[in-house]
C-alpha atoms as a PDB file:
ATOM      1  CA  MET A   1     170.694  -6.116-120.465  1.00  0.00           C
ATOM      2  CA  LYS A   2     172.239  -9.433-121.492  1.00  0.00           C
ATOM      3  CA  SER A   3     175.729  -9.456-119.988  1.00  0.00           C
ATOM      4  CA  LEU A   4     178.226  -6.962-118.665  1.00  0.00           C
ATOM      5  CA  THR A   5     181.482  -6.799-120.605  1.00  0.00           C
ATOM      6  CA  ILE A   6     184.409  -4.563-119.738  1.00  0.00           C
ATOM      7  CA  ILE A   7     186.783  -3.623-122.534  1.00  0.00           C
ATOM      8  CA  THR A   8     190.243  -2.816-121.201  1.00  0.00           C
ATOM      9  CA  SER A   9     192.558  -0.208-122.689  1.00  0.00           C
ATOM     10  CA  ASN A  10     194.433  -3.123-124.283  1.00  0.00           C
ATOM     11  CA  GLY A  11     191.220  -3.961-126.170  1.00  0.00           C
ATOM     12  CA  GLU A  12     190.648  -7.171-124.207  1.00  0.00           C
ATOM     13  CA  MET A  13     187.018  -8.005-123.493  1.00  0.00           C
ATOM     14  CA  VAL A  14     186.389  -9.133-119.934  1.00  0.00           C
ATOM     15  CA  GLY A  15     183.003 -10.633-119.072  1.00  0.00           C
ATOM     16  CA  LEU A  16     181.618 -11.860-115.783  1.00  0.00           C
ATOM     17  CA  PRO A  17     183.014 -15.410-116.163  1.00  0.00           C
ATOM     18  CA  GLN A  18     186.530 -13.964-116.452  1.00  0.00           C
ATOM     19  CA  LEU A  19     186.050 -12.234-113.081  1.00  0.00           C
ATOM     20  CA  GLN A  20     186.117 -15.570-111.232  1.00  0.00           C
ATOM     21  CA  PRO A  21     189.193 -15.966-108.976  1.00  0.00           C
ATOM     22  CA  GLU A  22     190.616 -18.871-111.011  1.00  0.00           C
ATOM     23  CA  ASN A  23     190.443 -16.791-114.218  1.00  0.00           C
ATOM     24  CA  LEU A  24     191.907 -13.675-112.583  1.00  0.00           C
ATOM     25  CA  LYS A  25     194.953 -15.733-111.557  1.00  0.00           C
ATOM     26  CA  LEU A  26     195.604 -16.463-115.242  1.00  0.00           C
ATOM     27  CA  MET A  27     195.690 -12.753-116.238  1.00  0.00           C
ATOM     28  CA  SER A  28     198.972 -10.985-116.862  1.00  0.00           C
ATOM     29  CA  ASN A  29     199.951  -8.292-114.371  1.00  0.00           C
ATOM     30  CA  ASP A  30     199.314  -5.584-116.984  1.00  0.00           C
ATOM     31  CA  ASP A  31     195.824  -6.892-117.742  1.00  0.00           C
ATOM     32  CA  LEU A  32     194.983  -7.296-114.066  1.00  0.00           C
ATOM     33  CA  GLU A  33     196.180  -3.757-113.286  1.00  0.00           C
ATOM     34  CA  ASP A  34     194.152  -2.379-116.178  1.00  0.00           C
ATOM     35  CA  LEU A  35     191.044  -4.271-115.069  1.00  0.00           C
ATOM     36  CA  ALA A  36     191.516  -3.192-111.441  1.00  0.00           C
ATOM     37  CA  ARG A  37     191.823   0.451-112.482  1.00  0.00           C
ATOM     38  CA  THR A  38     188.668   0.141-114.609  1.00  0.00           C
ATOM     39  CA  THR A  39     186.660  -1.494-111.823  1.00  0.00           C
ATOM     40  CA  LYS A  40     187.835   1.212-109.407  1.00  0.00           C
ATOM     41  CA  TYR A  41     186.340   3.864-111.679  1.00  0.00           C
ATOM     42  CA  LEU A  42     183.156   1.844-112.179  1.00  0.00           C
ATOM     43  CA  GLU A  43     182.679   1.338-108.435  1.00  0.00           C
ATOM     44  CA  SER A  44     181.374   4.853-107.815  1.00  0.00           C
ATOM     45  CA  GLY A  45     179.034   4.494-110.797  1.00  0.00           C
ATOM     46  CA  PHE A  46     177.631   1.249-109.400  1.00  0.00           C
ATOM     47  CA  LYS A  47     176.980   2.972-106.074  1.00  0.00           C
ATOM     48  CA  LYS A  48     175.072   5.718-107.896  1.00  0.00           C
ATOM     49  CA  VAL A  49     172.981   3.106-109.712  1.00  0.00           C
ATOM     50  CA  MET A  50     172.041   1.449-106.397  1.00  0.00           C
ATOM     51  CA  THR A  51     171.242   4.842-104.837  1.00  0.00           C
ATOM     52  CA  GLU A  52     168.886   5.670-107.718  1.00  0.00           C
ATOM     53  CA  LEU A  53     167.267   2.220-107.544  1.00  0.00           C
ATOM     54  CA  LYS A  54     166.647   2.568-103.801  1.00  0.00           C
ATOM     55  CA  ASP A  55     165.289   6.094-104.309  1.00  0.00           C
ATOM     56  CA  ARG A  56     162.766   4.813-106.851  1.00  0.00           C
ATOM     57  CA  LEU A  57     161.801   1.928-104.581  1.00  0.00           C
ATOM     58  CA  ASP A  58     161.321   4.471-101.777  1.00  0.00           C
ATOM     59  CA  HIS A  59     158.890   6.282-104.073  1.00  0.00           C
ATOM     60  CA  ASN A  60     156.945   3.044-104.672  1.00  0.00           C
ATOM     61  CA  GLU A  61     157.941   2.691-108.314  1.00  0.00           C
ATOM     62  CA  ASP A  62     157.417  -0.792-109.756  1.00  0.00           C
ATOM     63  CA  PHE A  63     160.165  -3.065-110.996  1.00  0.00           C
ATOM     64  CA  GLU A  64     159.707  -6.525-112.430  1.00  0.00           C
ATOM     65  CA  GLY A  65     162.699  -8.186-110.816  1.00  0.00           C
ATOM     66  CA  VAL A  66     163.522  -6.229-107.666  1.00  0.00           C
ATOM     67  CA  GLU A  67     161.659  -5.191-104.551  1.00  0.00           C
ATOM     68  CA  TYR A  68     162.264  -4.191-100.972  1.00  0.00           C
ATOM     69  CA  LYS A  69     161.938  -6.880 -98.350  1.00  0.00           C
ATOM     70  CA  GLU A  70     161.979  -6.277 -94.642  1.00  0.00           C
ATOM     71  CA  ARG A  71     164.687  -7.943 -92.649  1.00  0.00           C
ATOM     72  CA  ILE A  72     164.871  -8.033 -88.889  1.00  0.00           C
ATOM     73  CA  LYS A  73     168.147  -6.794 -87.493  1.00  0.00           C
ATOM     74  CA  ARG A  74     168.747  -7.639 -83.870  1.00  0.00           C
ATOM     75  CA  SER A  75     171.143  -5.629 -81.749  1.00  0.00           C
ATOM     76  CA  ALA A  76     171.644  -4.764 -78.129  1.00  0.00           C
ATOM     77  CA  PRO A  77     171.782  -1.110 -77.067  1.00  0.00           C
ATOM     78  CA  THR A  78     175.449  -0.147 -76.762  1.00  0.00           C
ATOM     79  CA  ASP A  79     175.304   3.203 -75.001  1.00  0.00           C
ATOM     80  CA  VAL A  80     173.135   2.536 -71.951  1.00  0.00           C
ATOM     81  CA  ASN A  81     175.313   2.736 -68.869  1.00  0.00           C
ATOM     82  CA  GLU A  82     172.940   0.670 -66.731  1.00  0.00           C
ATOM     83  CA  ILE A  83     173.156  -2.209 -69.210  1.00  0.00           C
ATOM     84  CA  LYS A  84     176.937  -1.896 -69.427  1.00  0.00           C
ATOM     85  CA  GLU A  85     177.228  -1.943 -65.638  1.00  0.00           C
ATOM     86  CA  LYS A  86     174.950  -4.981 -65.369  1.00  0.00           C
ATOM     87  CA  PHE A  87     176.985  -6.894 -67.963  1.00  0.00           C
ATOM     88  CA  VAL A  88     180.324  -5.933 -66.388  1.00  0.00           C
ATOM     89  CA  ASN A  89     179.096  -7.081 -62.969  1.00  0.00           C
ATOM     90  CA  LYS A  90     177.755 -10.352 -64.337  1.00  0.00           C
ATOM     91  CA  TYR A  91     180.285 -11.221 -67.064  1.00  0.00           C
ATOM     92  CA  GLY A  92     183.343  -9.016 -66.490  1.00  0.00           C
ATOM     93  CA  TRP A  93     184.995  -6.280 -68.537  1.00  0.00           C
ATOM     94  CA  ASP A  94     185.142  -8.427 -71.696  1.00  0.00           C
ATOM     95  CA  ALA A  95     181.387  -7.909 -72.035  1.00  0.00           C
ATOM     96  CA  VAL A  96     181.864  -4.223 -72.945  1.00  0.00           C
ATOM     97  CA  GLU A  97     184.078  -2.446 -75.435  1.00  0.00           C
ATOM     98  CA  LEU A  98     185.905   0.886 -75.488  1.00  0.00           C
ATOM     99  CA  LYS A  99     184.677   3.328 -78.136  1.00  0.00           C
ATOM    100  CA  SER A 100     186.971   4.179 -81.054  1.00  0.00           C
ATOM    101  CA  ASN A 101     189.389   7.092 -80.725  1.00  0.00           C
ATOM    102  CA  ALA A 102     187.321   9.158 -83.174  1.00  0.00           C
ATOM    103  CA  LYS A 103     184.110   8.595 -81.201  1.00  0.00           C
ATOM    104  CA  LEU A 104     185.804   9.425 -77.885  1.00  0.00           C
ATOM    105  CA  LYS A 105     187.345  12.626 -79.293  1.00  0.00           C
ATOM    106  CA  LYS A 106     183.952  13.696 -80.637  1.00  0.00           C
ATOM    107  CA  LEU A 107     182.232  12.854 -77.365  1.00  0.00           C
ATOM    108  CA  TYR A 108     184.757  14.665 -75.167  1.00  0.00           C
ATOM    109  CA  ASP A 109     185.759  17.504 -77.537  1.00  0.00           C
ATOM    110  CA  GLY A 110     189.445  16.630 -77.602  1.00  0.00           C
ATOM    111  CA  ALA A 111     189.820  16.783 -73.812  1.00  0.00           C
ATOM    112  CA  ILE A 112     190.571  13.080 -73.938  1.00  0.00           C
ATOM    113  CA  ASN A 113     193.496  13.427 -76.383  1.00  0.00           C
ATOM    114  CA  GLU A 114     196.234  13.141 -73.749  1.00  0.00           C
ATOM    115  CA  ASP A 115     194.728   9.978 -72.274  1.00  0.00           C
ATOM    116  CA  LEU A 116     194.278   8.470 -75.733  1.00  0.00           C
ATOM    117  CA  GLU A 117     197.856   9.265 -76.734  1.00  0.00           C
ATOM    118  CA  ALA A 118     199.080   7.303 -73.710  1.00  0.00           C
ATOM    119  CA  ILE A 119     197.241   4.121 -74.764  1.00  0.00           C
ATOM    120  CA  THR A 120     196.992   4.345 -78.555  1.00  0.00           C
ATOM    121  CA  VAL A 121     198.828   1.700 -80.564  1.00  0.00           C
ATOM    122  CA  GLU A 122     199.617   2.344 -84.209  1.00  0.00           C
ATOM    123  CA  ASN A 123     199.318  -0.447 -86.775  1.00  0.00           C
ATOM    124  CA  THR A 124     200.288  -0.246 -90.401  1.00  0.00           C
ATOM    125  CA  THR A 125     198.140  -1.600 -93.185  1.00  0.00           C
ATOM    126  CA  LYS A 126     198.699  -1.860 -96.902  1.00  0.00           C
ATOM    127  CA  ILE A 127     196.560   0.192 -99.264  1.00  0.00           C
ATOM    128  CA  VAL A 128     196.551   0.229-103.050  1.00  0.00           C
ATOM    129  CA  SER A 129     198.107   3.410-104.394  1.00  0.00           C
ATOM    130  CA  TRP A 130     197.477   4.218-108.056  1.00  0.00           C
ATOM    131  CA  LYS A 131     200.315   5.841-110.031  1.00  0.00           C
END
């Protein structure tokens, strides 16, 4: 594969260099919307490609330019009450964090709903909505 080129519904060819932020700023709104819609549809396809690649790597298939490498990921246990208590006593309450509403509801089968409603704050965020 030499280079990826996307052809928009307007017939415009968009290659990887055009996907740089400075080039995207130069696109018309119509072209940018068209490209964004196209990349949205391609996104699930790209995920499927990576899933297949990882599956083949899991089955020890050989590739010339890609391989698995091990990476060390360091993390502290988050659900051990003794550790939480030790950190709270030594560093204060800022050393621990409340679980998300979804995790608490799952953990306590909805019995916690009333308590959560009393403290829950709603925030709005913007999402892209396609017409």
